[in-house]
Amino acid sequence: MPHLRFRAVEPQSVQILSKPLIDQLQPHMACPREDFTFEYVYTTFYHEGEVSAAYPFVEVLWFDRGQDIQDKVAQIITQQVRELSGEDVDVAVIFTALNASSYYDNGKHY
């Protein structure tokens, strides 16, 4: 934990981002490196009946760490995605806070 899901980002970019993002995020999130997961989600976006291009969209599923840490994490993700995708690209970062008692690892909740 945390899980990062990437949409409208090339799979090779997710692979590249997986190391430097852990390097920068791990100290803020205070969890072991091995707890991070990165997922490439193949998606197609539509607008007004047509396939449309989309800007990078990163969903972060995690245990809430407060607004200050969330803001820092969003800035780090945005910066690193822009380094690969272009400085002028919009980047959406969406956080979903998970309840520790509803998250099970090997049959035991946190």
Protein backbone atom coordinates (compact mmCIF):
# COMPACT_ATOMS: atom_id res chain seq x y z
CA MET A 1 0.00 0.00 0.00
CA PRO A 2 -0.25 2.55 -1.64
CA HIS A 3 -1.53 1.51 -5.06
CA LEU A 4 -0.99 3.89 -7.99
CA ARG A 5 -3.12 3.35 -11.09
CA PHE A 6 -2.18 5.14 -14.29
CA ARG A 7 -4.54 5.93 -17.17
CA ALA A 8 -3.63 7.77 -20.39
CA VAL A 9 0.04 7.13 -19.62
CA GLU A 10 2.04 4.72 -21.76
CA PRO A 11 2.94 1.43 -20.03
CA GLN A 12 6.65 2.09 -20.60
CA SER A 13 6.26 5.42 -18.79
CA VAL A 14 4.63 3.72 -15.81
CA GLN A 15 7.54 1.29 -15.71
CA ILE A 16 10.04 4.17 -15.81
CA LEU A 17 8.14 6.13 -13.13
CA SER A 18 7.94 3.19 -10.73
CA LYS A 19 11.45 3.69 -9.32
CA PRO A 20 11.83 7.48 -9.03
CA LEU A 21 8.30 7.83 -7.67
CA ILE A 22 9.04 5.33 -4.91
CA ASP A 23 12.32 7.15 -4.25
CA GLN A 24 10.50 10.44 -3.69
CA LEU A 25 7.22 9.22 -2.20
CA GLN A 26 8.46 6.64 0.29
CA PRO A 27 9.86 9.15 2.83
CA HIS A 28 6.56 11.09 2.84
CA MET A 29 4.37 8.00 3.12
CA ALA A 30 6.48 6.24 5.75
CA CYS A 31 5.92 2.75 4.37
CA PRO A 32 8.32 0.14 2.99
CA ARG A 33 9.30 0.34 -0.68
CA GLU A 34 7.86 -3.12 -1.30
CA ASP A 35 4.39 -1.90 -0.29
CA PHE A 36 4.07 0.31 -3.40
CA THR A 37 2.25 -1.07 -6.42
CA PHE A 38 2.04 0.51 -9.87
CA GLU A 39 -0.67 -0.45 -12.31
CA TYR A 40 -1.10 0.48 -15.94
CA VAL A 41 -4.80 0.62 -16.83
CA TYR A 42 -5.63 0.47 -20.52
CA THR A 43 -8.51 2.83 -21.14
CA THR A 44 -10.25 4.54 -24.00
CA PHE A 45 -11.75 7.97 -23.45
CA TYR A 46 -14.78 9.31 -25.32
CA HIS A 47 -16.27 12.74 -25.86
CA GLU A 48 -19.45 13.51 -27.80
CA GLY A 49 -19.58 10.10 -29.42
CA GLU A 50 -15.94 10.06 -30.52
CA VAL A 51 -12.75 8.55 -29.17
CA SER A 52 -10.75 11.39 -27.65
CA ALA A 53 -7.28 11.96 -26.33
CA ALA A 54 -6.94 12.25 -22.57
CA TYR A 55 -4.44 13.78 -20.23
CA PRO A 56 -2.62 11.62 -17.67
CA PHE A 57 -4.81 10.45 -14.83
CA VAL A 58 -3.28 8.91 -11.70
CA GLU A 59 -5.43 7.34 -9.01
CA VAL A 60 -3.82 6.82 -5.60
CA LEU A 61 -5.46 4.28 -3.29
CA TRP A 62 -3.98 4.59 0.19
CA PHE A 63 -4.53 4.97 3.90
CA ASP A 64 -5.14 8.68 4.49
CA ARG A 65 -2.02 10.53 5.63
CA GLY A 66 -3.50 14.01 5.97
CA GLN A 67 -3.85 16.98 3.62
CA ASP A 68 -0.23 18.15 3.86
CA ILE A 69 1.19 14.77 2.79
CA GLN A 70 -1.52 14.39 0.15
CA ASP A 71 -0.59 17.78 -1.34
CA LYS A 72 3.12 16.82 -1.44
CA VAL A 73 2.36 13.44 -3.02
CA ALA A 74 0.16 15.08 -5.70
CA GLN A 75 2.93 17.58 -6.51
CA ILE A 76 5.57 14.85 -6.79
CA ILE A 77 3.39 12.68 -9.06
CA THR A 78 2.45 15.66 -11.24
CA GLN A 79 6.06 16.77 -11.59
CA GLN A 80 7.36 13.32 -12.53
CA VAL A 81 4.54 12.59 -15.00
CA ARG A 82 5.14 15.97 -16.65
CA GLU A 83 8.86 15.22 -16.98
CA LEU A 84 7.90 12.27 -19.21
CA SER A 85 4.77 13.66 -20.87
CA GLY A 86 5.60 17.34 -21.29
CA GLU A 87 5.62 20.30 -18.94
CA ASP A 88 2.45 21.82 -20.39
CA VAL A 89 0.28 18.69 -20.02
CA ASP A 90 -2.53 18.62 -17.48
CA VAL A 91 -2.18 15.82 -14.91
CA ALA A 92 -5.07 14.65 -12.74
CA VAL A 93 -4.23 13.00 -9.42
CA ILE A 94 -7.16 11.51 -7.54
CA PHE A 95 -6.90 10.10 -4.01
CA THR A 96 -9.11 7.37 -2.60
CA ALA A 97 -8.67 6.83 1.13
CA LEU A 98 -9.10 3.22 2.17
CA ASN A 99 -10.31 2.07 5.56
CA ALA A 100 -7.61 -0.06 7.24
CA SER A 101 -10.18 -2.43 8.73
CA SER A 102 -11.54 -3.09 5.21
CA TYR A 103 -8.12 -3.83 3.67
CA TYR A 104 -6.95 -7.41 4.04
CA ASP A 105 -3.51 -8.82 3.41
CA ASN A 106 -3.35 -12.61 3.61
CA GLY A 107 -6.73 -12.72 5.31
CA LYS A 108 -5.91 -10.20 8.04
CA HIS A 109 -6.95 -6.56 8.07
CA TYR A 110 -4.64 -3.74 9.04
